[in-house]
Every structure is written in C-alpha cells, then in structure tokens.
C-alpha cells in the first residue's frame, strides 16, 4: 500500500521541484508562502546550537544559490536565523 504524502509536505515538495534543479535553485519565489518554503530549505542546512561566521553562512548558501546575500538577509528578516556582530545562529530547528 502506497503512503500518502501529508498535505504540507506535498506542497513543500512541489514548490521545491519548481525552483530546484540539479541541486541548485534557479530563482527565488516571489510569493511569500513559497519563499518561506525555500527559506526553510536553507535553514535546514544549519545546525541548531552552532554559531556560524558570515563567511561560512555565505559558503553554505552559495552551494544552492548564487545570491547568498539576499538569502542570508532573508533568513534573518524572516526569523530563521539571528545575527550579531557577523556571527549567525539558527533560532529554531525548521520543520
């Protein structure tokens, strides 16, 4: 018997399948709900409780998208990460 994908997870997979090609994002979604799906993906690349210098945050984001500056800023603006003095940390483990 085939398991059904939970509705929230199915939506996340659909959004990621549109914007993620060969392990890299082709663009960032404009709509807020879809943008949050992509930002959650990026947030999952970081470990809870660990601190990251800005250079390392940039390198992790750059593996998936060339405009690491925008993604880094939005991770902070949308409350996924905190920044203090060029040091970043994940605020909560993303779902």
N, C-alpha and C. Protein backbone atom coordinates (compact mmCIF):
# COMPACT_ATOMS: atom_id res chain seq x y z
N UNK A 1 0.84 -1.19 0.00
CA UNK A 1 0.00 0.00 0.00
C UNK A 1 0.89 1.25 0.00
N UNK A 2 0.59 2.18 -0.87
CA UNK A 2 1.39 3.40 -1.01
C UNK A 2 0.97 4.41 0.05
N UNK A 3 1.98 5.00 0.70
CA UNK A 3 1.70 6.03 1.71
C UNK A 3 1.43 7.36 1.05
N UNK A 4 0.47 8.08 1.58
CA UNK A 4 0.19 9.41 1.06
C UNK A 4 1.13 10.41 1.72
N UNK A 5 1.53 11.40 0.96
CA UNK A 5 2.36 12.46 1.49
C UNK A 5 1.46 13.45 2.23
N UNK A 6 1.81 13.83 3.47
CA UNK A 6 0.99 14.82 4.18
C UNK A 6 0.88 16.09 3.35
N UNK A 7 -0.29 16.78 3.41
CA UNK A 7 -0.52 17.96 2.56
C UNK A 7 0.57 19.02 2.63
N UNK A 8 1.05 19.36 3.82
CA UNK A 8 2.10 20.38 3.94
C UNK A 8 3.39 19.94 3.28
N UNK A 9 3.74 18.69 3.44
CA UNK A 9 4.95 18.15 2.85
C UNK A 9 4.82 18.08 1.34
N UNK A 10 3.64 17.70 0.87
CA UNK A 10 3.42 17.62 -0.58
C UNK A 10 3.58 19.00 -1.21
N UNK A 11 3.07 20.02 -0.56
CA UNK A 11 3.20 21.39 -1.08
C UNK A 11 4.67 21.80 -1.09
N UNK A 12 5.39 21.48 -0.03
CA UNK A 12 6.82 21.81 0.03
C UNK A 12 7.58 21.12 -1.10
N UNK A 13 7.33 19.85 -1.30
CA UNK A 13 8.00 19.12 -2.38
C UNK A 13 7.66 19.72 -3.74
N UNK A 14 6.41 20.13 -3.93
CA UNK A 14 6.01 20.73 -5.20
C UNK A 14 6.73 22.05 -5.44
N UNK A 15 6.78 22.89 -4.42
CA UNK A 15 7.46 24.19 -4.55
C UNK A 15 8.94 23.97 -4.84
N UNK A 16 9.57 23.08 -4.09
CA UNK A 16 11.00 22.83 -4.31
C UNK A 16 11.25 22.25 -5.70
N UNK A 17 10.35 21.41 -6.18
CA UNK A 17 10.55 20.82 -7.51
C UNK A 17 10.48 21.86 -8.62
N UNK A 18 9.77 22.94 -8.37
CA UNK A 18 9.67 24.01 -9.38
C UNK A 18 10.94 24.85 -9.41
N UNK A 19 11.51 25.13 -8.23
CA UNK A 19 12.63 26.06 -8.15
C UNK A 19 14.00 25.43 -8.02
N UNK A 20 14.06 24.14 -7.73
CA UNK A 20 15.33 23.46 -7.51
C UNK A 20 15.63 22.53 -8.69
N UNK A 21 16.75 22.78 -9.36
CA UNK A 21 17.17 21.96 -10.50
C UNK A 21 18.61 21.51 -10.29
N UNK A 22 18.83 20.23 -10.38
CA UNK A 22 20.19 19.67 -10.22
C UNK A 22 20.86 20.16 -8.94
N UNK A 23 20.06 20.24 -7.87
CA UNK A 23 20.61 20.62 -6.57
C UNK A 23 20.84 22.10 -6.36
N UNK A 24 20.42 22.94 -7.31
CA UNK A 24 20.59 24.39 -7.19
C UNK A 24 19.28 25.10 -7.50
N UNK A 25 19.05 26.21 -6.82
CA UNK A 25 17.85 26.98 -7.09
C UNK A 25 18.04 27.82 -8.35
N UNK A 26 17.03 27.81 -9.20
CA UNK A 26 17.08 28.60 -10.42
C UNK A 26 16.61 30.03 -10.17
N UNK A 27 15.79 30.21 -9.14
CA UNK A 27 15.27 31.52 -8.75
C UNK A 27 14.68 31.39 -7.36
N UNK A 28 14.36 32.53 -6.77
CA UNK A 28 13.64 32.54 -5.50
C UNK A 28 12.19 32.90 -5.79
N UNK A 29 11.24 32.22 -5.15
CA UNK A 29 9.84 32.55 -5.39
C UNK A 29 9.51 33.96 -4.92
N UNK A 30 8.57 34.58 -5.61
CA UNK A 30 8.12 35.92 -5.23
C UNK A 30 7.05 35.84 -4.15
N UNK A 31 6.13 34.89 -4.27
CA UNK A 31 5.04 34.77 -3.30
C UNK A 31 5.59 34.33 -1.95
N UNK A 32 5.10 35.00 -0.92
CA UNK A 32 5.61 34.80 0.44
C UNK A 32 5.57 33.33 0.89
N UNK A 33 4.45 32.65 0.70
CA UNK A 33 4.32 31.26 1.16
C UNK A 33 5.36 30.36 0.50
N UNK A 34 5.58 30.55 -0.78
CA UNK A 34 6.58 29.74 -1.49
C UNK A 34 7.99 30.14 -1.07
N UNK A 35 8.18 31.42 -0.85
CA UNK A 35 9.50 31.92 -0.41
C UNK A 35 9.87 31.30 0.93
N UNK A 36 8.88 31.18 1.82
CA UNK A 36 9.13 30.59 3.13
C UNK A 36 9.52 29.12 3.01
N UNK A 37 8.94 28.41 2.06
CA UNK A 37 9.33 27.01 1.82
C UNK A 37 10.81 26.95 1.47
N UNK A 38 11.23 27.83 0.59
CA UNK A 38 12.64 27.84 0.15
C UNK A 38 13.55 28.27 1.31
N UNK A 39 13.14 29.24 2.08
CA UNK A 39 13.96 29.67 3.22
C UNK A 39 14.07 28.57 4.27
N UNK A 40 13.00 27.80 4.47
CA UNK A 40 13.07 26.65 5.39
C UNK A 40 14.10 25.64 4.88
N UNK A 41 14.14 25.43 3.56
CA UNK A 41 15.15 24.54 2.98
C UNK A 41 16.55 25.02 3.36
N UNK A 42 16.80 26.32 3.17
CA UNK A 42 18.12 26.87 3.51
C UNK A 42 18.39 26.75 5.01
N UNK A 43 17.39 27.03 5.83
CA UNK A 43 17.59 26.96 7.28
C UNK A 43 17.96 25.55 7.72
N UNK A 44 17.45 24.54 7.02
CA UNK A 44 17.77 23.15 7.37
C UNK A 44 19.24 22.80 7.10
N UNK A 45 19.95 23.66 6.41
CA UNK A 45 21.36 23.40 6.12
C UNK A 45 22.25 23.76 7.31
N UNK A 46 21.66 24.37 8.33
CA UNK A 46 22.41 24.81 9.50
C UNK A 46 22.01 23.99 10.73
N UNK A 47 22.94 23.85 11.66
CA UNK A 47 22.71 23.08 12.88
C UNK A 47 22.24 23.98 14.01
N UNK A 48 21.23 23.53 14.74
CA UNK A 48 20.76 24.24 15.92
C UNK A 48 21.86 24.25 16.97
N UNK A 49 22.04 25.39 17.61
CA UNK A 49 23.02 25.49 18.68
C UNK A 49 24.43 25.83 18.23
N UNK A 50 24.67 25.81 16.96
CA UNK A 50 26.01 26.12 16.44
C UNK A 50 26.04 27.57 15.97
N UNK A 51 27.18 28.21 16.10
CA UNK A 51 27.34 29.57 15.58
C UNK A 51 28.16 29.50 14.30
N UNK A 52 27.85 30.41 13.39
CA UNK A 52 28.49 30.43 12.07
C UNK A 52 29.00 31.83 11.76
N UNK A 53 30.26 31.95 11.36
CA UNK A 53 30.72 33.25 10.87
C UNK A 53 30.05 33.52 9.52
N UNK A 54 29.93 34.78 9.18
CA UNK A 54 29.24 35.18 7.94
C UNK A 54 29.80 34.48 6.71
N UNK A 55 31.12 34.34 6.66
CA UNK A 55 31.76 33.70 5.51
C UNK A 55 31.28 32.25 5.33
N UNK A 56 31.10 31.53 6.42
CA UNK A 56 30.62 30.15 6.34
C UNK A 56 29.15 30.10 5.93
N UNK A 57 28.35 31.03 6.44
CA UNK A 57 26.93 31.11 6.04
C UNK A 57 26.87 31.33 4.53
N UNK A 58 27.67 32.26 4.03
CA UNK A 58 27.69 32.54 2.59
C UNK A 58 28.05 31.30 1.79
N UNK A 59 29.05 30.56 2.24
CA UNK A 59 29.50 29.37 1.52
C UNK A 59 28.42 28.29 1.49
N UNK A 60 27.72 28.12 2.60
CA UNK A 60 26.66 27.10 2.65
C UNK A 60 25.53 27.49 1.70
N UNK A 61 25.12 28.74 1.73
CA UNK A 61 24.04 29.19 0.85
C UNK A 61 24.47 29.10 -0.61
N UNK A 62 25.70 29.49 -0.90
CA UNK A 62 26.21 29.51 -2.28
C UNK A 62 26.22 28.13 -2.93
N UNK A 63 26.21 27.07 -2.14
CA UNK A 63 26.13 25.73 -2.72
C UNK A 63 24.82 25.52 -3.47
N UNK A 64 23.80 26.31 -3.09
CA UNK A 64 22.47 26.13 -3.66
C UNK A 64 21.96 27.32 -4.47
N UNK A 65 22.51 28.51 -4.24
CA UNK A 65 22.01 29.71 -4.92
C UNK A 65 23.10 30.77 -4.94
N UNK A 66 23.31 31.42 -6.09
CA UNK A 66 24.43 32.37 -6.20
C UNK A 66 24.26 33.68 -5.42
N UNK A 67 23.02 34.10 -5.16
CA UNK A 67 22.81 35.36 -4.44
C UNK A 67 22.70 35.08 -2.95
N UNK A 68 23.82 34.68 -2.35
CA UNK A 68 23.83 34.33 -0.95
C UNK A 68 23.49 35.51 -0.05
N UNK A 69 23.76 36.72 -0.49
CA UNK A 69 23.48 37.91 0.31
C UNK A 69 21.98 38.07 0.56
N UNK A 70 21.18 37.90 -0.47
CA UNK A 70 19.73 38.01 -0.32
C UNK A 70 19.19 36.92 0.59
N UNK A 71 19.62 35.70 0.36
CA UNK A 71 19.13 34.58 1.17
C UNK A 71 19.54 34.76 2.63
N UNK A 72 20.77 35.12 2.86
CA UNK A 72 21.26 35.33 4.23
C UNK A 72 20.44 36.41 4.94
N UNK A 73 20.21 37.50 4.26
CA UNK A 73 19.42 38.60 4.84
C UNK A 73 18.00 38.15 5.15
N UNK A 74 17.40 37.39 4.24
CA UNK A 74 16.02 36.95 4.46
C UNK A 74 15.92 35.88 5.55
N UNK A 75 16.94 35.07 5.70
CA UNK A 75 16.92 34.12 6.82
C UNK A 75 16.84 34.86 8.15
N UNK A 76 17.50 36.01 8.23
CA UNK A 76 17.43 36.83 9.43
C UNK A 76 16.10 37.57 9.48
N UNK A 77 15.71 38.23 8.39
CA UNK A 77 14.48 39.02 8.38
C UNK A 77 13.23 38.19 8.67
N UNK A 78 13.20 36.95 8.21
CA UNK A 78 12.03 36.09 8.42
C UNK A 78 12.13 35.27 9.71
N UNK A 79 13.18 35.51 10.50
CA UNK A 79 13.27 34.90 11.82
C UNK A 79 13.83 33.49 11.89
N UNK A 80 14.49 33.04 10.83
CA UNK A 80 15.10 31.71 10.86
C UNK A 80 16.46 31.74 11.56
N UNK A 81 17.16 32.86 11.40
CA UNK A 81 18.50 32.99 11.99
C UNK A 81 18.61 34.34 12.69
N UNK A 82 19.55 34.39 13.65
CA UNK A 82 19.88 35.65 14.33
C UNK A 82 21.29 36.03 13.91
N UNK A 83 21.53 37.32 13.86
CA UNK A 83 22.86 37.82 13.51
C UNK A 83 23.30 38.82 14.56
N UNK A 84 24.53 38.65 15.01
CA UNK A 84 25.10 39.62 15.94
C UNK A 84 26.59 39.70 15.68
N UNK A 85 27.03 40.87 15.25
CA UNK A 85 28.45 41.10 15.00
C UNK A 85 29.06 40.17 13.97
N UNK A 86 28.31 39.86 12.92
CA UNK A 86 28.82 39.00 11.86
C UNK A 86 28.79 37.51 12.19
N UNK A 87 28.16 37.17 13.31
CA UNK A 87 28.02 35.77 13.72
C UNK A 87 26.53 35.41 13.64
N UNK A 88 26.27 34.26 13.05
CA UNK A 88 24.89 33.82 12.82
C UNK A 88 24.62 32.53 13.59
N UNK A 89 23.34 32.37 13.98
CA UNK A 89 22.91 31.12 14.58
C UNK A 89 21.46 30.86 14.20
N UNK A 90 21.12 29.60 14.07
CA UNK A 90 19.76 29.19 13.77
C UNK A 90 18.92 29.42 15.01
N UNK A 91 17.75 30.05 14.86
CA UNK A 91 16.91 30.34 16.01
C UNK A 91 16.12 29.12 16.47
N UNK A 92 15.46 28.45 15.56
CA UNK A 92 14.71 27.24 15.88
C UNK A 92 14.94 26.26 14.76
N UNK A 93 14.91 25.00 15.06
CA UNK A 93 15.04 23.99 14.01
C UNK A 93 13.83 24.09 13.10
N UNK A 94 14.03 24.32 11.80
CA UNK A 94 12.91 24.41 10.88
C UNK A 94 12.23 23.07 10.72
N UNK A 95 10.91 23.11 10.54
CA UNK A 95 10.13 21.88 10.37
C UNK A 95 10.43 21.22 9.05
